[in-house]
Amino acid sequence: MKNRIAIFLLPFLLASCGVWSMPQGDVYFQDDFSNPGSGWDRVQGADGVTDYAGETYRIFSATANYYIWATPGRRFPGDVRIEVDVTKKSGPNADVFGVLCRYKDEKNFYILMISGDGQAGIAKRSAAADLVMLSGESLKSNPAIHSGLSANHLRADCSGTSLSLYVNDVLVSTATDAEFAAGDAGLWLGAYDHPGSDLIFDNFIVRKP
């Protein structure tokens, strides 16, 4: 079990190893966060929080220009569908948040994300190129995304070289990349110029697409 903390564009929080899963048919892993021993990290520091909150999971950024994420410490097959409900409780609209797939380590994974002002995009973090957008030069607005302090249902399909993000059952972003073949899944928050982004996640599930 370990956690890492660093500044913007470097690892901030790395989740501890998980110990709990309930495969059911095509479901590889699911968590309603009612069990605080299900494997996600429990960090409450001056710069931010990744921890269970009631029967949900909370990610909070108390510092500007930080990326924060958490994983259950598992390894899934190459092709997965990840779903989660996320509610934004407070914070600036410029923040970005979503899910991770094919998480190899703190420097290598895909990010499928939306922003508080209703935009979406897909990015890659790699040891070679740090953070790069895969779905275009910048995030793109989509009316399917509930902006501001609201709830959204996210679905990320990582299948072969194709990456797709759905929000509230609408396809909002696609990308193609072949660098990462398999890995963990997780949750993500990127805070920019202003701190205070506070997110609640629930009903996390990883299944065969």
N, C-alpha and C. Protein backbone atom coordinates (compact mmCIF):
# COMPACT_ATOMS: atom_id res chain seq x y z
N MET A 1 0.84 -1.19 0.00
CA MET A 1 0.00 0.00 0.00
C MET A 1 0.87 1.24 0.00
N LYS A 2 0.58 2.18 -0.89
CA LYS A 2 1.37 3.39 -0.89
C LYS A 2 0.60 4.52 -1.54
N ASN A 3 0.98 5.72 -1.22
CA ASN A 3 0.41 6.91 -1.82
C ASN A 3 1.54 7.80 -2.28
N ARG A 4 1.32 8.52 -3.36
CA ARG A 4 2.32 9.45 -3.85
C ARG A 4 1.68 10.82 -3.98
N ILE A 5 2.44 11.86 -3.67
CA ILE A 5 1.96 13.23 -3.76
C ILE A 5 2.99 14.04 -4.53
N ALA A 6 2.53 14.83 -5.51
CA ALA A 6 3.44 15.68 -6.26
C ALA A 6 2.65 16.83 -6.85
N ILE A 7 3.32 17.74 -7.55
CA ILE A 7 2.67 18.93 -8.05
C ILE A 7 2.04 18.68 -9.41
N PHE A 8 1.42 19.72 -9.97
CA PHE A 8 0.73 19.69 -11.25
C PHE A 8 1.54 18.97 -12.32
N LEU A 9 0.87 18.06 -13.05
CA LEU A 9 1.43 17.25 -14.11
C LEU A 9 2.36 16.16 -13.61
N LEU A 10 2.38 15.93 -12.28
CA LEU A 10 3.10 14.81 -11.71
C LEU A 10 2.14 14.04 -10.83
N PRO A 11 2.44 12.78 -10.46
CA PRO A 11 1.51 12.02 -9.64
C PRO A 11 1.18 12.73 -8.34
N PHE A 12 -0.09 12.72 -7.97
CA PHE A 12 -0.50 13.35 -6.72
C PHE A 12 -0.94 12.30 -5.72
N LEU A 13 -2.00 11.56 -6.05
CA LEU A 13 -2.45 10.51 -5.15
C LEU A 13 -2.57 9.20 -5.90
N LEU A 14 -1.91 8.17 -5.43
CA LEU A 14 -2.01 6.83 -6.01
C LEU A 14 -2.71 5.93 -5.02
N ALA A 15 -3.77 5.28 -5.48
CA ALA A 15 -4.60 4.51 -4.55
C ALA A 15 -3.86 3.29 -4.04
N SER A 16 -4.28 2.84 -2.88
CA SER A 16 -3.74 1.61 -2.30
C SER A 16 -4.35 0.40 -2.98
N CYS A 17 -3.78 -0.76 -2.75
CA CYS A 17 -4.23 -1.98 -3.41
C CYS A 17 -5.60 -2.40 -2.90
N GLY A 18 -6.43 -2.92 -3.81
CA GLY A 18 -7.76 -3.36 -3.44
C GLY A 18 -7.78 -4.83 -3.06
N VAL A 19 -8.83 -5.22 -2.34
CA VAL A 19 -8.93 -6.59 -1.87
C VAL A 19 -10.32 -7.17 -2.07
N TRP A 20 -11.21 -6.46 -2.77
CA TRP A 20 -12.61 -6.88 -2.80
C TRP A 20 -13.18 -6.75 -4.20
N SER A 21 -13.81 -7.77 -4.69
CA SER A 21 -14.54 -7.69 -5.95
C SER A 21 -15.65 -8.71 -5.93
N MET A 22 -16.66 -8.48 -6.77
CA MET A 22 -17.81 -9.39 -6.84
C MET A 22 -18.16 -9.63 -8.29
N PRO A 23 -17.40 -10.49 -8.98
CA PRO A 23 -17.72 -10.76 -10.38
C PRO A 23 -19.11 -11.37 -10.51
N GLN A 24 -19.90 -10.85 -11.42
CA GLN A 24 -21.24 -11.38 -11.66
C GLN A 24 -21.46 -11.38 -13.17
N GLY A 25 -21.37 -12.54 -13.80
CA GLY A 25 -21.52 -12.59 -15.23
C GLY A 25 -20.39 -11.85 -15.91
N ASP A 26 -20.74 -10.79 -16.63
CA ASP A 26 -19.72 -10.03 -17.34
C ASP A 26 -19.14 -8.90 -16.49
N VAL A 27 -19.46 -8.87 -15.21
CA VAL A 27 -18.95 -7.82 -14.32
C VAL A 27 -17.63 -8.25 -13.71
N TYR A 28 -16.58 -7.47 -13.94
CA TYR A 28 -15.27 -7.77 -13.36
C TYR A 28 -15.14 -7.21 -11.94
N PHE A 29 -15.74 -6.05 -11.70
CA PHE A 29 -15.60 -5.39 -10.40
C PHE A 29 -16.72 -4.37 -10.25
N GLN A 30 -17.27 -4.27 -9.03
CA GLN A 30 -18.25 -3.23 -8.78
C GLN A 30 -18.13 -2.77 -7.34
N ASP A 31 -18.47 -1.51 -7.12
CA ASP A 31 -18.33 -0.94 -5.79
C ASP A 31 -19.35 0.18 -5.60
N ASP A 32 -20.18 0.04 -4.59
CA ASP A 32 -21.10 1.13 -4.24
C ASP A 32 -20.53 1.95 -3.08
N PHE A 33 -19.29 1.66 -2.70
CA PHE A 33 -18.54 2.40 -1.68
C PHE A 33 -19.18 2.34 -0.30
N SER A 34 -20.01 1.33 -0.07
CA SER A 34 -20.58 1.15 1.26
C SER A 34 -19.61 0.45 2.19
N ASN A 35 -18.58 -0.19 1.62
CA ASN A 35 -17.57 -0.88 2.41
C ASN A 35 -16.26 -0.10 2.34
N PRO A 36 -15.85 0.59 3.39
CA PRO A 36 -14.62 1.38 3.36
C PRO A 36 -13.35 0.55 3.29
N GLY A 37 -13.50 -0.77 3.28
CA GLY A 37 -12.35 -1.64 3.11
C GLY A 37 -12.27 -2.24 1.72
N SER A 38 -12.94 -1.66 0.74
CA SER A 38 -12.99 -2.25 -0.59
C SER A 38 -11.76 -1.97 -1.42
N GLY A 39 -10.80 -1.21 -0.90
CA GLY A 39 -9.51 -1.12 -1.57
C GLY A 39 -9.07 0.24 -2.06
N TRP A 40 -9.96 1.21 -2.10
CA TRP A 40 -9.58 2.54 -2.55
C TRP A 40 -8.79 3.26 -1.45
N ASP A 41 -7.98 4.24 -1.85
CA ASP A 41 -7.16 4.94 -0.86
C ASP A 41 -8.00 5.83 0.05
N ARG A 42 -7.45 6.13 1.21
CA ARG A 42 -8.12 6.97 2.20
C ARG A 42 -7.13 8.04 2.64
N VAL A 43 -7.05 9.11 1.85
CA VAL A 43 -6.10 10.19 2.11
C VAL A 43 -6.85 11.48 2.37
N GLN A 44 -6.54 12.12 3.47
CA GLN A 44 -7.09 13.43 3.79
C GLN A 44 -5.93 14.33 4.19
N GLY A 45 -5.48 15.16 3.26
CA GLY A 45 -4.32 16.01 3.49
C GLY A 45 -4.62 17.46 3.20
N ALA A 46 -3.60 18.28 3.34
CA ALA A 46 -3.76 19.71 3.13
C ALA A 46 -4.06 20.04 1.67
N ASP A 47 -3.61 19.19 0.76
CA ASP A 47 -3.79 19.48 -0.66
C ASP A 47 -5.05 18.88 -1.26
N GLY A 48 -5.62 17.90 -0.59
CA GLY A 48 -6.82 17.29 -1.14
C GLY A 48 -7.24 16.04 -0.41
N VAL A 49 -8.34 15.47 -0.88
CA VAL A 49 -8.94 14.30 -0.24
C VAL A 49 -9.31 13.27 -1.29
N THR A 50 -8.97 12.01 -1.04
CA THR A 50 -9.55 10.87 -1.75
C THR A 50 -9.94 9.87 -0.67
N ASP A 51 -11.24 9.71 -0.45
CA ASP A 51 -11.68 8.91 0.69
C ASP A 51 -13.16 8.55 0.54
N TYR A 52 -13.55 7.51 1.25
CA TYR A 52 -14.96 7.15 1.34
C TYR A 52 -15.70 8.26 2.10
N ALA A 53 -16.93 8.51 1.68
CA ALA A 53 -17.76 9.52 2.32
C ALA A 53 -19.17 8.98 2.40
N GLY A 54 -19.53 8.48 3.58
CA GLY A 54 -20.82 7.81 3.70
C GLY A 54 -20.79 6.56 2.84
N GLU A 55 -21.74 6.43 1.95
CA GLU A 55 -21.75 5.31 1.03
C GLU A 55 -21.43 5.78 -0.39
N THR A 56 -20.49 6.73 -0.48
CA THR A 56 -20.00 7.23 -1.76
C THR A 56 -18.48 7.37 -1.65
N TYR A 57 -17.86 7.85 -2.72
CA TYR A 57 -16.42 8.11 -2.69
C TYR A 57 -16.19 9.56 -3.08
N ARG A 58 -15.36 10.23 -2.29
CA ARG A 58 -15.15 11.67 -2.47
C ARG A 58 -13.74 11.97 -2.97
N ILE A 59 -13.65 12.86 -3.96
CA ILE A 59 -12.37 13.44 -4.36
C ILE A 59 -12.50 14.95 -4.29
N PHE A 60 -11.61 15.57 -3.55
CA PHE A 60 -11.65 17.01 -3.31
C PHE A 60 -10.27 17.60 -3.51
N SER A 61 -10.20 18.71 -4.21
CA SER A 61 -8.93 19.41 -4.41
C SER A 61 -8.92 20.71 -3.62
N ALA A 62 -7.99 20.81 -2.67
CA ALA A 62 -7.85 22.02 -1.88
C ALA A 62 -6.77 22.94 -2.43
N THR A 63 -6.13 22.53 -3.51
CA THR A 63 -5.01 23.27 -4.07
C THR A 63 -5.21 23.44 -5.57
N ALA A 64 -4.88 24.61 -6.10
CA ALA A 64 -4.97 24.85 -7.53
C ALA A 64 -3.86 24.09 -8.26
N ASN A 65 -4.11 23.82 -9.53
CA ASN A 65 -3.12 23.19 -10.42
C ASN A 65 -2.65 21.83 -9.90
N TYR A 66 -3.61 20.99 -9.57
CA TYR A 66 -3.32 19.62 -9.14
C TYR A 66 -4.20 18.65 -9.88
N TYR A 67 -3.64 17.50 -10.21
CA TYR A 67 -4.41 16.36 -10.68
C TYR A 67 -4.47 15.35 -9.54
N ILE A 68 -5.64 14.82 -9.30
CA ILE A 68 -5.83 13.86 -8.22
C ILE A 68 -6.57 12.65 -8.78
N TRP A 69 -6.12 11.45 -8.43
CA TRP A 69 -6.85 10.27 -8.89
C TRP A 69 -6.76 9.14 -7.88
N ALA A 70 -7.59 8.13 -8.09
CA ALA A 70 -7.60 6.97 -7.21
C ALA A 70 -8.00 5.75 -8.02
N THR A 71 -7.41 4.60 -7.69
CA THR A 71 -7.78 3.33 -8.31
C THR A 71 -7.97 2.28 -7.22
N PRO A 72 -8.68 1.20 -7.51
CA PRO A 72 -8.84 0.13 -6.51
C PRO A 72 -7.68 -0.84 -6.47
N GLY A 73 -6.64 -0.61 -7.25
CA GLY A 73 -5.46 -1.46 -7.19
C GLY A 73 -5.64 -2.82 -7.82
N ARG A 74 -6.24 -2.86 -9.01
CA ARG A 74 -6.52 -4.12 -9.69
C ARG A 74 -5.99 -4.08 -11.12
N ARG A 75 -6.10 -5.19 -11.80
CA ARG A 75 -5.74 -5.25 -13.22
C ARG A 75 -6.87 -5.94 -13.97
N PHE A 76 -7.39 -5.26 -14.97
CA PHE A 76 -8.51 -5.78 -15.73
C PHE A 76 -8.05 -6.16 -17.14
N PRO A 77 -8.85 -6.98 -17.84
CA PRO A 77 -8.53 -7.32 -19.23
C PRO A 77 -8.47 -6.05 -20.09
N GLY A 78 -7.94 -6.21 -21.28
CA GLY A 78 -7.74 -5.05 -22.14
C GLY A 78 -9.02 -4.31 -22.49
N ASP A 79 -10.11 -5.04 -22.74
CA ASP A 79 -11.37 -4.43 -23.15
C ASP A 79 -12.30 -4.33 -21.95
N VAL A 80 -12.68 -3.12 -21.59
CA VAL A 80 -13.56 -2.90 -20.44
C VAL A 80 -14.55 -1.79 -20.73
N ARG A 81 -15.66 -1.85 -20.03
CA ARG A 81 -16.62 -0.76 -19.97
C ARG A 81 -16.69 -0.31 -18.51
N ILE A 82 -16.43 0.95 -18.25
CA ILE A 82 -16.43 1.51 -16.90
C ILE A 82 -17.59 2.48 -16.77
N GLU A 83 -18.38 2.32 -15.73
CA GLU A 83 -19.49 3.24 -15.49
C GLU A 83 -19.44 3.76 -14.07
N VAL A 84 -19.88 5.00 -13.89
CA VAL A 84 -19.93 5.59 -12.56
C VAL A 84 -20.87 6.80 -12.58
N ASP A 85 -21.49 7.05 -11.46
CA ASP A 85 -22.28 8.27 -11.27
C ASP A 85 -21.42 9.28 -10.53
N VAL A 86 -21.38 10.51 -11.03
CA VAL A 86 -20.59 11.55 -10.37
C VAL A 86 -21.45 12.79 -10.16
N THR A 87 -21.35 13.34 -8.96
CA THR A 87 -22.07 14.56 -8.62
C THR A 87 -21.08 15.61 -8.18
N LYS A 88 -21.16 16.77 -8.79
CA LYS A 88 -20.29 17.87 -8.39
C LYS A 88 -20.98 18.67 -7.29
N LYS A 89 -20.31 18.78 -6.14
CA LYS A 89 -20.89 19.47 -4.98
C LYS A 89 -20.47 20.94 -4.91
N SER A 90 -19.25 21.25 -5.35
CA SER A 90 -18.77 22.62 -5.33
C SER A 90 -17.54 22.72 -6.21
N GLY A 91 -17.14 23.95 -6.50
CA GLY A 91 -15.91 24.17 -7.25
C GLY A 91 -16.12 24.92 -8.55
N PRO A 92 -15.03 25.37 -9.17
CA PRO A 92 -15.10 26.13 -10.41
C PRO A 92 -15.51 25.26 -11.59
N ASN A 93 -16.07 25.89 -12.61
CA ASN A 93 -16.51 25.14 -13.78
C ASN A 93 -15.37 24.69 -14.67
N ALA A 94 -14.19 25.24 -14.48
CA ALA A 94 -13.06 24.91 -15.36
C ALA A 94 -12.40 23.58 -15.01
N ASP A 95 -12.80 22.95 -13.93
CA ASP A 95 -12.17 21.69 -13.55
C ASP A 95 -12.56 20.57 -14.50
N VAL A 96 -11.80 19.47 -14.48
CA VAL A 96 -12.11 18.30 -15.30
C VAL A 96 -12.15 17.07 -14.41
N PHE A 97 -13.02 16.13 -14.73
CA PHE A 97 -13.15 14.93 -13.90
C PHE A 97 -13.73 13.80 -14.72
N GLY A 98 -13.47 12.57 -14.28
CA GLY A 98 -13.97 11.43 -15.02
C GLY A 98 -13.36 10.14 -14.56
N VAL A 99 -13.06 9.26 -15.53
CA VAL A 99 -12.58 7.92 -15.19
C VAL A 99 -11.26 7.64 -15.91
N LEU A 100 -10.53 6.67 -15.35
CA LEU A 100 -9.29 6.20 -15.94
C LEU A 100 -9.49 4.78 -16.45
N CYS A 101 -8.81 4.44 -17.52
CA CYS A 101 -8.77 3.04 -17.94
C CYS A 101 -7.35 2.68 -18.35
N ARG A 102 -7.08 1.37 -18.33
CA ARG A 102 -5.76 0.83 -18.67
C ARG A 102 -4.64 1.52 -17.89
N TYR A 103 -4.89 1.67 -16.61
CA TYR A 103 -3.94 2.32 -15.71
C TYR A 103 -2.79 1.34 -15.43
N LYS A 104 -1.64 1.63 -15.99
CA LYS A 104 -0.46 0.79 -15.80
C LYS A 104 0.29 1.17 -14.53
N ASP A 105 0.53 2.47 -14.36
CA ASP A 105 1.15 3.02 -13.16
C ASP A 105 0.86 4.51 -13.16
N GLU A 106 1.45 5.27 -12.22
CA GLU A 106 1.10 6.67 -12.07
C GLU A 106 1.51 7.55 -13.25
N LYS A 107 2.27 7.01 -14.19
CA LYS A 107 2.69 7.79 -15.35
C LYS A 107 2.12 7.29 -16.66
N ASN A 108 1.29 6.26 -16.62
CA ASN A 108 0.82 5.64 -17.86
C ASN A 108 -0.63 5.19 -17.74
N PHE A 109 -1.56 5.94 -18.37
CA PHE A 109 -2.97 5.59 -18.35
C PHE A 109 -3.76 6.51 -19.27
N TYR A 110 -5.03 6.14 -19.52
CA TYR A 110 -5.95 6.97 -20.29
C TYR A 110 -6.93 7.66 -19.36
N ILE A 111 -7.36 8.87 -19.76
CA ILE A 111 -8.30 9.67 -18.99
C ILE A 111 -9.48 10.03 -19.88
N LEU A 112 -10.68 9.67 -19.48
CA LEU A 112 -11.90 10.03 -20.21
C LEU A 112 -12.69 10.95 -19.30
N MET A 113 -12.84 12.21 -19.70
CA MET A 113 -13.25 13.24 -18.74
C MET A 113 -14.23 14.24 -19.31
N ILE A 114 -14.92 14.89 -18.36
CA ILE A 114 -15.77 16.03 -18.69
C ILE A 114 -15.33 17.20 -17.83
N SER A 115 -15.87 18.37 -18.13
CA SER A 115 -15.56 19.56 -17.33
C SER A 115 -16.83 20.10 -16.70
N GLY A 116 -16.64 20.93 -15.70
CA GLY A 116 -17.78 21.52 -15.03
C GLY A 116 -18.58 22.46 -15.89
N ASP A 117 -18.00 22.91 -17.01
CA ASP A 117 -18.75 23.79 -17.91
C ASP A 117 -19.27 23.06 -19.14
N GLY A 118 -19.37 21.72 -19.05
CA GLY A 118 -20.07 20.96 -20.08
C GLY A 118 -19.26 20.55 -21.28
N GLN A 119 -17.97 20.34 -21.11
CA GLN A 119 -17.12 19.88 -22.21
C GLN A 119 -16.61 18.47 -21.94
N ALA A 120 -16.11 17.81 -22.99
CA ALA A 120 -15.64 16.44 -22.85
C ALA A 120 -14.40 16.23 -23.69
N GLY A 121 -13.60 15.24 -23.28
CA GLY A 121 -12.41 14.90 -24.04
C GLY A 121 -11.73 13.67 -23.49
N ILE A 122 -10.77 13.17 -24.26
CA ILE A 122 -10.01 11.98 -23.88
C ILE A 122 -8.53 12.31 -23.98
N ALA A 123 -7.78 11.94 -22.95
CA ALA A 123 -6.36 12.26 -22.91
C ALA A 123 -5.56 11.04 -22.49
N LYS A 124 -4.25 11.16 -22.64
CA LYS A 124 -3.34 10.11 -22.23
C LYS A 124 -2.21 10.71 -21.41
N ARG A 125 -1.91 10.06 -20.32
CA ARG A 125 -0.71 10.41 -19.56
C ARG A 125 0.31 9.31 -19.79
N SER A 126 1.51 9.69 -20.19
CA SER A 126 2.55 8.69 -20.43
C SER A 126 3.88 9.21 -19.95
N ALA A 127 4.76 8.28 -19.65
CA ALA A 127 6.09 8.67 -19.19
C ALA A 127 6.85 9.42 -20.26
N ALA A 128 6.56 9.12 -21.53
CA ALA A 128 7.28 9.75 -22.62
C ALA A 128 6.80 11.16 -22.94
N ALA A 129 5.47 11.37 -22.84
CA ALA A 129 4.92 12.64 -23.30
C ALA A 129 4.10 13.38 -22.25
N ASP A 130 4.14 12.92 -21.01
CA ASP A 130 3.35 13.50 -19.93
C ASP A 130 1.88 13.47 -20.29
N LEU A 131 1.19 14.59 -20.40
CA LEU A 131 -0.25 14.60 -20.64
C LEU A 131 -0.54 15.17 -22.02
N VAL A 132 -1.24 14.39 -22.85
CA VAL A 132 -1.58 14.84 -24.20
C VAL A 132 -3.04 14.52 -24.48
N MET A 133 -3.69 15.39 -25.24
CA MET A 133 -5.05 15.15 -25.67
C MET A 133 -5.06 14.18 -26.84
N LEU A 134 -5.99 13.25 -26.84
CA LEU A 134 -6.14 12.29 -27.93
C LEU A 134 -7.36 12.58 -28.80
N SER A 135 -8.34 13.27 -28.24
CA SER A 135 -9.62 13.48 -28.93
C SER A 135 -9.67 14.80 -29.68
N GLY A 136 -8.56 15.51 -29.76
CA GLY A 136 -8.51 16.82 -30.39
C GLY A 136 -7.62 17.73 -29.59
N GLU A 137 -7.45 18.94 -30.04
CA GLU A 137 -6.55 19.87 -29.36
C GLU A 137 -7.09 20.33 -28.02
N SER A 138 -8.40 20.26 -27.84
CA SER A 138 -9.00 20.72 -26.57
C SER A 138 -10.31 19.98 -26.33
N LEU A 139 -10.89 20.19 -25.15
CA LEU A 139 -12.20 19.63 -24.85
C LEU A 139 -13.25 20.27 -25.75
N LYS A 140 -14.34 19.53 -25.98
CA LYS A 140 -15.42 20.05 -26.82
C LYS A 140 -16.74 20.02 -26.07
N SER A 141 -17.52 21.08 -26.23
CA SER A 141 -18.81 21.20 -25.55
C SER A 141 -19.81 20.19 -26.10
N ASN A 142 -20.69 19.71 -25.20
CA ASN A 142 -21.76 18.82 -25.62
C ASN A 142 -22.96 19.05 -24.71
N PRO A 143 -24.16 19.25 -25.28
CA PRO A 143 -25.34 19.54 -24.47
C PRO A 143 -25.80 18.38 -23.59
N ALA A 144 -25.30 17.18 -23.83
CA ALA A 144 -25.68 16.04 -22.99
C ALA A 144 -25.08 16.11 -21.60
N ILE A 145 -24.05 16.93 -21.43
CA ILE A 145 -23.36 17.02 -20.14
C ILE A 145 -24.06 18.04 -19.25
N HIS A 146 -24.41 17.64 -18.04
CA HIS A 146 -25.01 18.55 -17.07
C HIS A 146 -23.90 19.37 -16.43
N SER A 147 -23.90 20.65 -16.66
CA SER A 147 -22.83 21.51 -16.17
C SER A 147 -23.14 22.04 -14.78
N GLY A 148 -22.13 22.69 -14.18
CA GLY A 148 -22.30 23.28 -12.86
C GLY A 148 -22.43 22.22 -11.78
N LEU A 149 -23.15 22.56 -10.72
CA LEU A 149 -23.33 21.66 -9.60
C LEU A 149 -24.47 20.70 -9.92
N SER A 150 -24.12 19.56 -10.48
CA SER A 150 -25.13 18.62 -10.97
C SER A 150 -24.55 17.22 -11.03
N ALA A 151 -25.38 16.26 -11.42
CA ALA A 151 -24.97 14.86 -11.51
C ALA A 151 -24.88 14.42 -12.97
N ASN A 152 -23.96 13.51 -13.25
CA ASN A 152 -23.82 12.93 -14.58
C ASN A 152 -23.52 11.44 -14.45
N HIS A 153 -23.99 10.67 -15.41
CA HIS A 153 -23.62 9.26 -15.49
C HIS A 153 -22.58 9.11 -16.58
N LEU A 154 -21.40 8.59 -16.22
CA LEU A 154 -20.31 8.44 -17.16
C LEU A 154 -20.15 6.97 -17.54
N ARG A 155 -19.84 6.76 -18.81
CA ARG A 155 -19.51 5.42 -19.30
C ARG A 155 -18.30 5.53 -20.22
N ALA A 156 -17.26 4.79 -19.92
CA ALA A 156 -16.05 4.79 -20.72
C ALA A 156 -15.85 3.40 -21.31
N ASP A 157 -15.79 3.32 -22.63
CA ASP A 157 -15.52 2.06 -23.32
C ASP A 157 -14.09 2.09 -23.83
N CYS A 158 -13.29 1.16 -23.36
CA CYS A 158 -11.91 1.02 -23.82
C CYS A 158 -11.82 -0.36 -24.46
N SER A 159 -11.86 -0.39 -25.78
CA SER A 159 -11.96 -1.64 -26.51
C SER A 159 -11.00 -1.63 -27.68
N GLY A 160 -10.03 -2.55 -27.66
CA GLY A 160 -9.01 -2.53 -28.68
C GLY A 160 -8.24 -1.22 -28.64
N THR A 161 -8.12 -0.56 -29.77
CA THR A 161 -7.46 0.75 -29.80
C THR A 161 -8.45 1.90 -29.70
N SER A 162 -9.72 1.58 -29.52
CA SER A 162 -10.77 2.61 -29.49
C SER A 162 -11.12 3.00 -28.06
N LEU A 163 -11.25 4.30 -27.84
CA LEU A 163 -11.65 4.86 -26.55
C LEU A 163 -12.88 5.73 -26.79
N SER A 164 -13.95 5.47 -26.02
CA SER A 164 -15.19 6.22 -26.20
C SER A 164 -15.74 6.65 -24.85
N LEU A 165 -16.24 7.87 -24.80
CA LEU A 165 -16.84 8.39 -23.58
C LEU A 165 -18.30 8.74 -23.84
N TYR A 166 -19.18 8.18 -23.00
CA TYR A 166 -20.60 8.49 -23.04
C TYR A 166 -20.96 9.23 -21.76
N VAL A 167 -21.81 10.24 -21.88
CA VAL A 167 -22.33 10.95 -20.72
C VAL A 167 -23.84 10.97 -20.81
N ASN A 168 -24.47 10.46 -19.78
CA ASN A 168 -25.93 10.37 -19.75
C ASN A 168 -26.46 9.66 -21.01
N ASP A 169 -25.76 8.57 -21.38
CA ASP A 169 -26.12 7.69 -22.49
C ASP A 169 -25.92 8.31 -23.87
N VAL A 170 -25.17 9.39 -23.95
CA VAL A 170 -24.87 10.04 -25.24
C VAL A 170 -23.37 9.99 -25.48
N LEU A 171 -22.97 9.58 -26.67
CA LEU A 171 -21.55 9.56 -27.03
C LEU A 171 -21.06 10.99 -27.18
N VAL A 172 -20.04 11.36 -26.39
CA VAL A 172 -19.57 12.75 -26.40
C VAL A 172 -18.12 12.90 -26.85
N SER A 173 -17.35 11.80 -26.88
CA SER A 173 -15.96 11.93 -27.30
C SER A 173 -15.40 10.57 -27.69
N THR A 174 -14.53 10.55 -28.70
CA THR A 174 -13.87 9.33 -29.13
C THR A 174 -12.40 9.62 -29.42
N ALA A 175 -11.60 8.57 -29.35
CA ALA A 175 -10.18 8.68 -29.67
C ALA A 175 -9.64 7.29 -29.98
N THR A 176 -8.46 7.25 -30.57
CA THR A 176 -7.80 6.00 -30.89
C THR A 176 -6.35 6.05 -30.43
N ASP A 177 -5.92 4.98 -29.76
CA ASP A 177 -4.53 4.91 -29.31
C ASP A 177 -4.20 3.46 -29.01
N ALA A 178 -2.95 3.07 -29.25
CA ALA A 178 -2.57 1.67 -29.08
C ALA A 178 -1.49 1.45 -28.04
N GLU A 179 -1.14 2.49 -27.26
CA GLU A 179 0.00 2.34 -26.37
C GLU A 179 -0.26 1.41 -25.19
N PHE A 180 -1.43 1.52 -24.55
CA PHE A 180 -1.72 0.73 -23.36
C PHE A 180 -2.76 -0.34 -23.68
N ALA A 181 -2.48 -1.58 -23.27
CA ALA A 181 -3.36 -2.69 -23.64
C ALA A 181 -4.27 -3.14 -22.50
N ALA A 182 -3.86 -2.96 -21.25
CA ALA A 182 -4.64 -3.41 -20.11
C ALA A 182 -4.17 -2.68 -18.86
N GLY A 183 -4.91 -2.85 -17.76
CA GLY A 183 -4.51 -2.21 -16.52
C GLY A 183 -5.69 -1.99 -15.59
N ASP A 184 -5.51 -1.12 -14.63
CA ASP A 184 -6.52 -0.82 -13.63
C ASP A 184 -7.52 0.19 -14.19
N ALA A 185 -8.56 0.46 -13.43
CA ALA A 185 -9.53 1.52 -13.73
C ALA A 185 -9.55 2.47 -12.54
N GLY A 186 -10.11 3.66 -12.71
CA GLY A 186 -10.11 4.57 -11.58
C GLY A 186 -10.91 5.84 -11.81
N LEU A 187 -10.74 6.77 -10.88
CA LEU A 187 -11.46 8.05 -10.86
C LEU A 187 -10.46 9.19 -10.90
N TRP A 188 -10.88 10.32 -11.44
CA TRP A 188 -9.94 11.41 -11.75
C TRP A 188 -10.55 12.79 -11.48
N LEU A 189 -9.74 13.70 -10.98
CA LEU A 189 -10.10 15.11 -10.86
C LEU A 189 -8.89 15.95 -11.21
N GLY A 190 -9.08 16.91 -12.09
CA GLY A 190 -8.03 17.86 -12.42
C GLY A 190 -8.48 19.27 -12.09
N ALA A 191 -7.79 19.90 -11.14
CA ALA A 191 -8.11 21.27 -10.75
C ALA A 191 -7.10 22.22 -11.38
N TYR A 192 -7.56 23.33 -11.90
CA TYR A 192 -6.68 24.26 -12.58
C TYR A 192 -6.39 25.50 -11.72
N ASP A 193 -6.82 26.67 -12.16
CA ASP A 193 -6.39 27.90 -11.49
C ASP A 193 -7.00 28.10 -10.11
N HIS A 194 -8.13 27.46 -9.85
CA HIS A 194 -8.81 27.69 -8.57
C HIS A 194 -9.08 26.36 -7.86
N PRO A 195 -8.85 26.30 -6.56
CA PRO A 195 -9.13 25.08 -5.79
C PRO A 195 -10.61 24.98 -5.44
N GLY A 196 -10.96 23.93 -4.71
CA GLY A 196 -12.31 23.81 -4.18
C GLY A 196 -13.22 22.85 -4.90
N SER A 197 -12.72 22.15 -5.92
CA SER A 197 -13.57 21.17 -6.61
C SER A 197 -13.85 19.98 -5.69
N ASP A 198 -15.12 19.67 -5.52
CA ASP A 198 -15.55 18.63 -4.60
C ASP A 198 -16.51 17.71 -5.32
N LEU A 199 -16.10 16.44 -5.51
CA LEU A 199 -16.88 15.49 -6.28
C LEU A 199 -17.26 14.28 -5.45
N ILE A 200 -18.45 13.75 -5.72
CA ILE A 200 -18.92 12.53 -5.08
C ILE A 200 -19.19 11.49 -6.17
N PHE A 201 -18.57 10.32 -6.04
CA PHE A 201 -18.75 9.23 -7.00
C PHE A 201 -19.54 8.09 -6.36
N ASP A 202 -20.31 7.39 -7.18
CA ASP A 202 -21.08 6.26 -6.67
C ASP A 202 -21.33 5.27 -7.80
N ASN A 203 -21.65 4.04 -7.41
CA ASN A 203 -22.04 2.98 -8.35
C ASN A 203 -20.98 2.75 -9.43
N PHE A 204 -19.77 2.51 -8.99
CA PHE A 204 -18.64 2.25 -9.89
C PHE A 204 -18.69 0.80 -10.35
N ILE A 205 -18.54 0.58 -11.64
CA ILE A 205 -18.60 -0.79 -12.15
C ILE A 205 -17.67 -0.93 -13.36
N VAL A 206 -16.98 -2.07 -13.41
CA VAL A 206 -16.14 -2.42 -14.55
C VAL A 206 -16.66 -3.74 -15.10
N ARG A 207 -16.99 -3.76 -16.39
CA ARG A 207 -17.56 -4.95 -16.98
C ARG A 207 -16.97 -5.20 -18.37
N LYS A 208 -17.26 -6.38 -18.89
CA LYS A 208 -16.89 -6.68 -20.25
C LYS A 208 -17.76 -5.87 -21.20
N PRO A 209 -17.17 -5.20 -22.18
CA PRO A 209 -17.99 -4.35 -23.08
C PRO A 209 -18.84 -5.18 -24.04
